[in-house]
Protein backbone atom coordinates (compact mmCIF):
# COMPACT_ATOMS: atom_id res chain seq x y z
CA MET A 1 4.68 22.70 -3.55
CA ALA A 2 5.99 19.20 -4.18
CA LEU A 3 4.58 17.00 -6.91
CA LEU A 4 3.78 13.33 -6.43
CA LYS A 5 2.55 10.65 -8.79
CA CYS A 6 -0.98 9.33 -8.42
CA TYR A 7 -0.73 5.62 -7.62
CA ASN A 8 -3.66 4.93 -9.94
CA CYS A 9 -3.10 6.98 -13.14
CA HIS A 10 0.59 7.87 -12.51
CA GLN A 11 0.04 11.56 -13.37
CA GLU A 12 1.83 14.19 -11.30
CA VAL A 13 -0.35 15.86 -8.66
CA PRO A 14 0.40 18.41 -5.91
CA ASN A 15 1.15 16.73 -2.59
CA LYS A 16 -1.59 18.66 -0.75
CA VAL A 17 -4.58 17.47 -2.81
CA LYS A 18 -6.74 14.68 -1.42
CA VAL A 19 -8.20 13.58 -4.76
CA CYS A 20 -6.33 13.19 -8.04
CA PRO A 21 -7.57 15.90 -10.44
CA HIS A 22 -6.90 13.60 -13.41
CA CYS A 23 -8.69 10.38 -12.43
CA GLY A 24 -10.60 11.27 -9.25
CA THR A 25 -8.89 8.65 -7.08
CA SER A 26 -8.81 9.40 -3.35
CA LEU A 27 -5.10 9.65 -2.65
CA VAL A 28 -5.28 9.47 1.14
CA LYS A 29 -7.68 6.52 1.14
CA GLY A 30 -5.62 4.70 -1.47
CA TYR A 31 -2.39 4.82 0.51
CA LYS A 32 -4.19 3.76 3.68
CA ASN A 33 -5.66 0.79 1.78
CA PHE A 34 -2.13 -0.38 0.95
CA ILE A 35 -1.29 -0.32 4.65
CA TYR A 36 -4.48 -2.02 5.83
CA GLY A 37 -4.32 -4.65 3.11
CA GLY A 38 -0.70 -5.45 3.86
CA VAL A 39 -1.39 -5.80 7.58
CA ILE A 40 -4.35 -8.10 6.92
CA VAL A 41 -2.31 -10.33 4.59
CA ILE A 42 0.57 -10.56 7.07
CA ALA A 43 -1.80 -11.42 9.92
CA PHE A 44 -3.57 -14.05 7.79
CA VAL A 45 -0.33 -15.74 6.73
CA LEU A 46 1.17 -15.71 10.21
CA ILE A 47 -1.99 -17.14 11.77
CA PHE A 48 -2.98 -19.70 9.15
CA TRP A 49 0.16 -20.78 7.28
CA LYS A 50 0.64 -23.84 9.45
CA TYR A 51 -3.03 -24.85 9.28
CA LEU A 52 -3.20 -24.39 5.52
CA ASP A 53 0.09 -26.27 5.08
CA LEU A 54 1.55 -23.48 2.95
CA ASP A 55 4.98 -23.99 1.52
CA LEU A 56 7.47 -21.87 3.48
CA GLY A 57 8.68 -20.19 0.28
CA ILE A 58 5.15 -19.13 -0.65
CA ALA A 59 4.54 -17.83 2.87
CA VAL A 60 7.77 -15.81 2.84
CA ALA A 61 7.07 -14.40 -0.63
CA THR A 62 3.58 -13.37 0.48
CA LEU A 63 4.95 -11.71 3.61
CA ILE A 64 7.53 -9.81 1.56
CA GLY A 65 4.85 -8.61 -0.88
CA ALA A 66 2.61 -7.49 1.97
CA THR A 67 5.51 -5.68 3.63
CA ILE A 68 6.25 -3.86 0.38
CA ALA A 69 2.59 -2.79 0.17
CA ILE A 70 2.75 -1.41 3.71
CA ILE A 71 5.98 0.46 2.98
CA ARG A 72 4.51 1.87 -0.25
CA GLY A 73 1.49 3.13 1.66
CA LEU A 74 3.58 4.66 4.44
CA VAL A 75 5.92 6.38 2.00
CA GLY A 76 2.94 7.77 0.09
CA LEU A 77 1.39 9.15 3.25
CA LEU A 78 4.70 10.62 4.43
CA LYS A 79 5.28 12.33 1.08
CA ARG A 80 1.78 13.79 1.16
CA ASN A 81 2.32 15.23 4.62
CA GLY A 82 5.58 16.63 3.43
């Protein structure tokens, strides 16, 4: 059984558990929230950056951060499913 780190308390937990035994955080829900949040931020920036007159550098940095959140969520889910 592989061990992963809880994204909340950073303790090692078995990859098959759905809730961290140390802090009680829902591991599946947490990783999905990274994905959903990243998608929402990307959609918001792509739709509204011109209307809000965002600086291109800020828009790009926000898109990169959101992409990293999505990748973090996907990697977490893939590791859990082993």
